[in-house]
Amino acid sequence: MERPELSIAVLRAPGEVVLKLAGEIDMLTAAQLSSVVNEILGEPPARIVLDMGGITFCDSQGLGTLVVLSRKASHAQTVLSLTNVGDFLLRVLDITGLRSALTVRNEPATH
């Protein structure tokens, strides 16, 4: 069985850092995401956007990590938001009640 991967591309813009995520957020990759966000919070921008468009899986550890990172960002006066969240993850956030704990900005898909 292959080890799940998480790739994180960091795109910096004035007042905003976008993390383009692809792969899985789970117990094996959550620490990688945490360390990247914690590093960015060293000099916090106004907003950190997690682009979830490439996320194929997120387990309970991943969900917990997203909530913790959102709280850390808030303490640093930064807004952490999720965008391009897939239907499966939106459903999980709704079922667990975590959607209200996170800022989800889904732009409508353009056809």
C-alpha atoms as a PDB file:
ATOM      1  CA  MET A   1       0.000   0.000   0.000  1.00  0.00           C
ATOM      2  CA  GLU A   2       1.332   3.397  -1.009  1.00  0.00           C
ATOM      3  CA  ARG A   3       1.831   6.105   1.570  1.00  0.00           C
ATOM      4  CA  PRO A   4      -0.727   8.859   0.984  1.00  0.00           C
ATOM      5  CA  GLU A   5       0.737  12.111  -0.179  1.00  0.00           C
ATOM      6  CA  LEU A   6      -0.204  15.719   0.392  1.00  0.00           C
ATOM      7  CA  SER A   7       1.237  18.338  -1.903  1.00  0.00           C
ATOM      8  CA  ILE A   8       1.118  21.965  -0.819  1.00  0.00           C
ATOM      9  CA  ALA A   9       1.831  24.802  -3.251  1.00  0.00           C
ATOM     10  CA  VAL A  10       2.241  28.167  -1.503  1.00  0.00           C
ATOM     11  CA  LEU A  11       1.106  31.212  -3.496  1.00  0.00           C
ATOM     12  CA  ARG A  12       1.799  34.562  -1.837  1.00  0.00           C
ATOM     13  CA  ALA A  13      -0.096  37.735  -2.722  1.00  0.00           C
ATOM     14  CA  PRO A  14      -0.349  41.068  -0.875  1.00  0.00           C
ATOM     15  CA  GLY A  15      -2.287  40.393   2.345  1.00  0.00           C
ATOM     16  CA  GLU A  16      -3.051  36.797   1.405  1.00  0.00           C
ATOM     17  CA  VAL A  17      -1.383  33.407   1.213  1.00  0.00           C
ATOM     18  CA  VAL A  18      -3.100  30.667  -0.782  1.00  0.00           C
ATOM     19  CA  LEU A  19      -2.193  27.040  -0.110  1.00  0.00           C
ATOM     20  CA  LYS A  20      -3.167  24.882  -3.071  1.00  0.00           C
ATOM     21  CA  LEU A  21      -3.644  21.427  -1.570  1.00  0.00           C
ATOM     22  CA  ALA A  22      -3.744  18.111  -3.410  1.00  0.00           C
ATOM     23  CA  GLY A  23      -3.979  14.589  -2.044  1.00  0.00           C
ATOM     24  CA  GLU A  24      -5.075  13.449   1.390  1.00  0.00           C
ATOM     25  CA  ILE A  25      -5.281  15.158   4.781  1.00  0.00           C
ATOM     26  CA  ASP A  26      -5.069  12.386   7.358  1.00  0.00           C
ATOM     27  CA  MET A  27      -3.048  11.174  10.323  1.00  0.00           C
ATOM     28  CA  LEU A  28       0.038  10.768   8.109  1.00  0.00           C
ATOM     29  CA  THR A  29      -0.105  14.187   6.409  1.00  0.00           C
ATOM     30  CA  ALA A  30      -1.862  16.519   8.901  1.00  0.00           C
ATOM     31  CA  ALA A  31       1.444  17.463  10.577  1.00  0.00           C
ATOM     32  CA  GLN A  32       2.838  18.565   7.199  1.00  0.00           C
ATOM     33  CA  LEU A  33      -0.120  20.935   6.697  1.00  0.00           C
ATOM     34  CA  SER A  34       0.183  22.210  10.279  1.00  0.00           C
ATOM     35  CA  SER A  35       3.866  23.012   9.922  1.00  0.00           C
ATOM     36  CA  VAL A  36       3.311  24.998   6.688  1.00  0.00           C
ATOM     37  CA  VAL A  37       0.433  27.017   8.201  1.00  0.00           C
ATOM     38  CA  ASN A  38       2.333  27.563  11.472  1.00  0.00           C
ATOM     39  CA  GLU A  39       5.301  28.872   9.489  1.00  0.00           C
ATOM     40  CA  ILE A  40       3.035  31.331   7.634  1.00  0.00           C
ATOM     41  CA  LEU A  41       1.527  32.438  10.963  1.00  0.00           C
ATOM     42  CA  GLY A  42       5.040  33.503  12.027  1.00  0.00           C
ATOM     43  CA  GLU A  43       4.352  36.656   9.987  1.00  0.00           C
ATOM     44  CA  PRO A  44       0.598  36.406   9.551  1.00  0.00           C
ATOM     45  CA  PRO A  45      -1.068  37.794   6.428  1.00  0.00           C
ATOM     46  CA  ALA A  46      -4.616  39.152   6.608  1.00  0.00           C
ATOM     47  CA  ARG A  47      -5.915  35.925   5.115  1.00  0.00           C
ATOM     48  CA  ILE A  48      -4.828  32.335   4.550  1.00  0.00           C
ATOM     49  CA  VAL A  49      -6.850  30.429   1.965  1.00  0.00           C
ATOM     50  CA  LEU A  50      -6.721  26.644   1.808  1.00  0.00           C
ATOM     51  CA  ASP A  51      -7.673  25.665  -1.748  1.00  0.00           C
ATOM     52  CA  MET A  52      -9.157  22.209  -1.210  1.00  0.00           C
ATOM     53  CA  GLY A  53      -9.817  21.539  -4.911  1.00  0.00           C
ATOM     54  CA  GLY A  54      -7.274  18.719  -5.090  1.00  0.00           C
ATOM     55  CA  ILE A  55      -8.145  17.029  -1.789  1.00  0.00           C
ATOM     56  CA  THR A  56      -9.312  13.450  -2.330  1.00  0.00           C
ATOM     57  CA  PHE A  57      -9.674  12.365   1.317  1.00  0.00           C
ATOM     58  CA  CYS A  58      -9.825  13.896   4.787  1.00  0.00           C
ATOM     59  CA  ASP A  59     -10.122  11.802   7.960  1.00  0.00           C
ATOM     60  CA  SER A  60     -10.984  12.848  11.520  1.00  0.00           C
ATOM     61  CA  GLN A  61      -7.356  13.814  12.198  1.00  0.00           C
ATOM     62  CA  GLY A  62      -7.442  16.041   9.124  1.00  0.00           C
ATOM     63  CA  LEU A  63     -10.713  17.652  10.208  1.00  0.00           C
ATOM     64  CA  GLY A  64      -9.339  18.282  13.692  1.00  0.00           C
ATOM     65  CA  THR A  65      -6.213  19.824  12.179  1.00  0.00           C
ATOM     66  CA  LEU A  66      -8.309  22.211  10.057  1.00  0.00           C
ATOM     67  CA  VAL A  67     -10.209  23.370  13.157  1.00  0.00           C
ATOM     68  CA  VAL A  68      -7.009  23.826  15.208  1.00  0.00           C
ATOM     69  CA  LEU A  69      -5.358  25.789  12.390  1.00  0.00           C
ATOM     70  CA  SER A  70      -8.448  27.970  12.029  1.00  0.00           C
ATOM     71  CA  ARG A  71      -8.298  28.801  15.760  1.00  0.00           C
ATOM     72  CA  LYS A  72      -4.549  29.501  15.624  1.00  0.00           C
ATOM     73  CA  ALA A  73      -5.085  31.822  12.653  1.00  0.00           C
ATOM     74  CA  SER A  74      -7.869  33.602  14.512  1.00  0.00           C
ATOM     75  CA  HIS A  75      -5.565  34.176  17.513  1.00  0.00           C
ATOM     76  CA  ALA A  76      -3.050  35.709  15.085  1.00  0.00           C
ATOM     77  CA  GLN A  77      -5.785  38.031  13.711  1.00  0.00           C
ATOM     78  CA  THR A  78      -5.777  36.119  10.435  1.00  0.00           C
ATOM     79  CA  VAL A  79      -8.770  34.619   8.647  1.00  0.00           C
ATOM     80  CA  LEU A  80      -8.244  31.039   7.546  1.00  0.00           C
ATOM     81  CA  SER A  81     -10.774  30.002   4.945  1.00  0.00           C
ATOM     82  CA  LEU A  82     -11.377  26.927   2.832  1.00  0.00           C
ATOM     83  CA  THR A  83     -12.273  27.218  -0.827  1.00  0.00           C
ATOM     84  CA  ASN A  84     -13.107  24.741  -3.613  1.00  0.00           C
ATOM     85  CA  VAL A  85     -14.312  22.249  -0.997  1.00  0.00           C
ATOM     86  CA  GLY A  86     -15.588  19.065  -2.647  1.00  0.00           C
ATOM     87  CA  ASP A  87     -19.077  17.703  -2.056  1.00  0.00           C
ATOM     88  CA  PHE A  88     -17.808  14.767   0.017  1.00  0.00           C
ATOM     89  CA  LEU A  89     -15.938  17.064   2.402  1.00  0.00           C
ATOM     90  CA  LEU A  90     -18.835  19.532   2.637  1.00  0.00           C
ATOM     91  CA  ARG A  91     -21.085  16.619   3.590  1.00  0.00           C
ATOM     92  CA  VAL A  92     -18.605  15.484   6.266  1.00  0.00           C
ATOM     93  CA  LEU A  93     -18.368  19.050   7.630  1.00  0.00           C
ATOM     94  CA  ASP A  94     -22.172  19.250   7.783  1.00  0.00           C
ATOM     95  CA  ILE A  95     -22.577  15.838   9.427  1.00  0.00           C
ATOM     96  CA  THR A  96     -19.918  16.558  12.072  1.00  0.00           C
ATOM     97  CA  GLY A  97     -21.148  20.106  12.692  1.00  0.00           C
ATOM     98  CA  LEU A  98     -17.680  21.459  11.868  1.00  0.00           C
ATOM     99  CA  ARG A  99     -18.842  23.578   8.953  1.00  0.00           C
ATOM    100  CA  SER A 100     -19.869  26.283  11.417  1.00  0.00           C
ATOM    101  CA  ALA A 101     -16.396  26.150  13.028  1.00  0.00           C
ATOM    102  CA  LEU A 102     -14.650  26.807   9.701  1.00  0.00           C
ATOM    103  CA  THR A 103     -14.905  29.567   7.111  1.00  0.00           C
ATOM    104  CA  VAL A 104     -15.939  27.930   3.835  1.00  0.00           C
ATOM    105  CA  ARG A 105     -16.007  30.148   0.748  1.00  0.00           C
ATOM    106  CA  ASN A 106     -17.063  28.035  -2.185  1.00  0.00           C
ATOM    107  CA  GLU A 107     -17.178  29.893  -5.436  1.00  0.00           C
ATOM    108  CA  PRO A 108     -19.748  28.469  -7.805  1.00  0.00           C
ATOM    109  CA  ALA A 109     -18.207  26.219 -10.430  1.00  0.00           C
ATOM    110  CA  THR A 110     -17.837  27.883 -13.793  1.00  0.00           C
ATOM    111  CA  HIS A 111     -18.911  25.841 -16.804  1.00  0.00           C
END
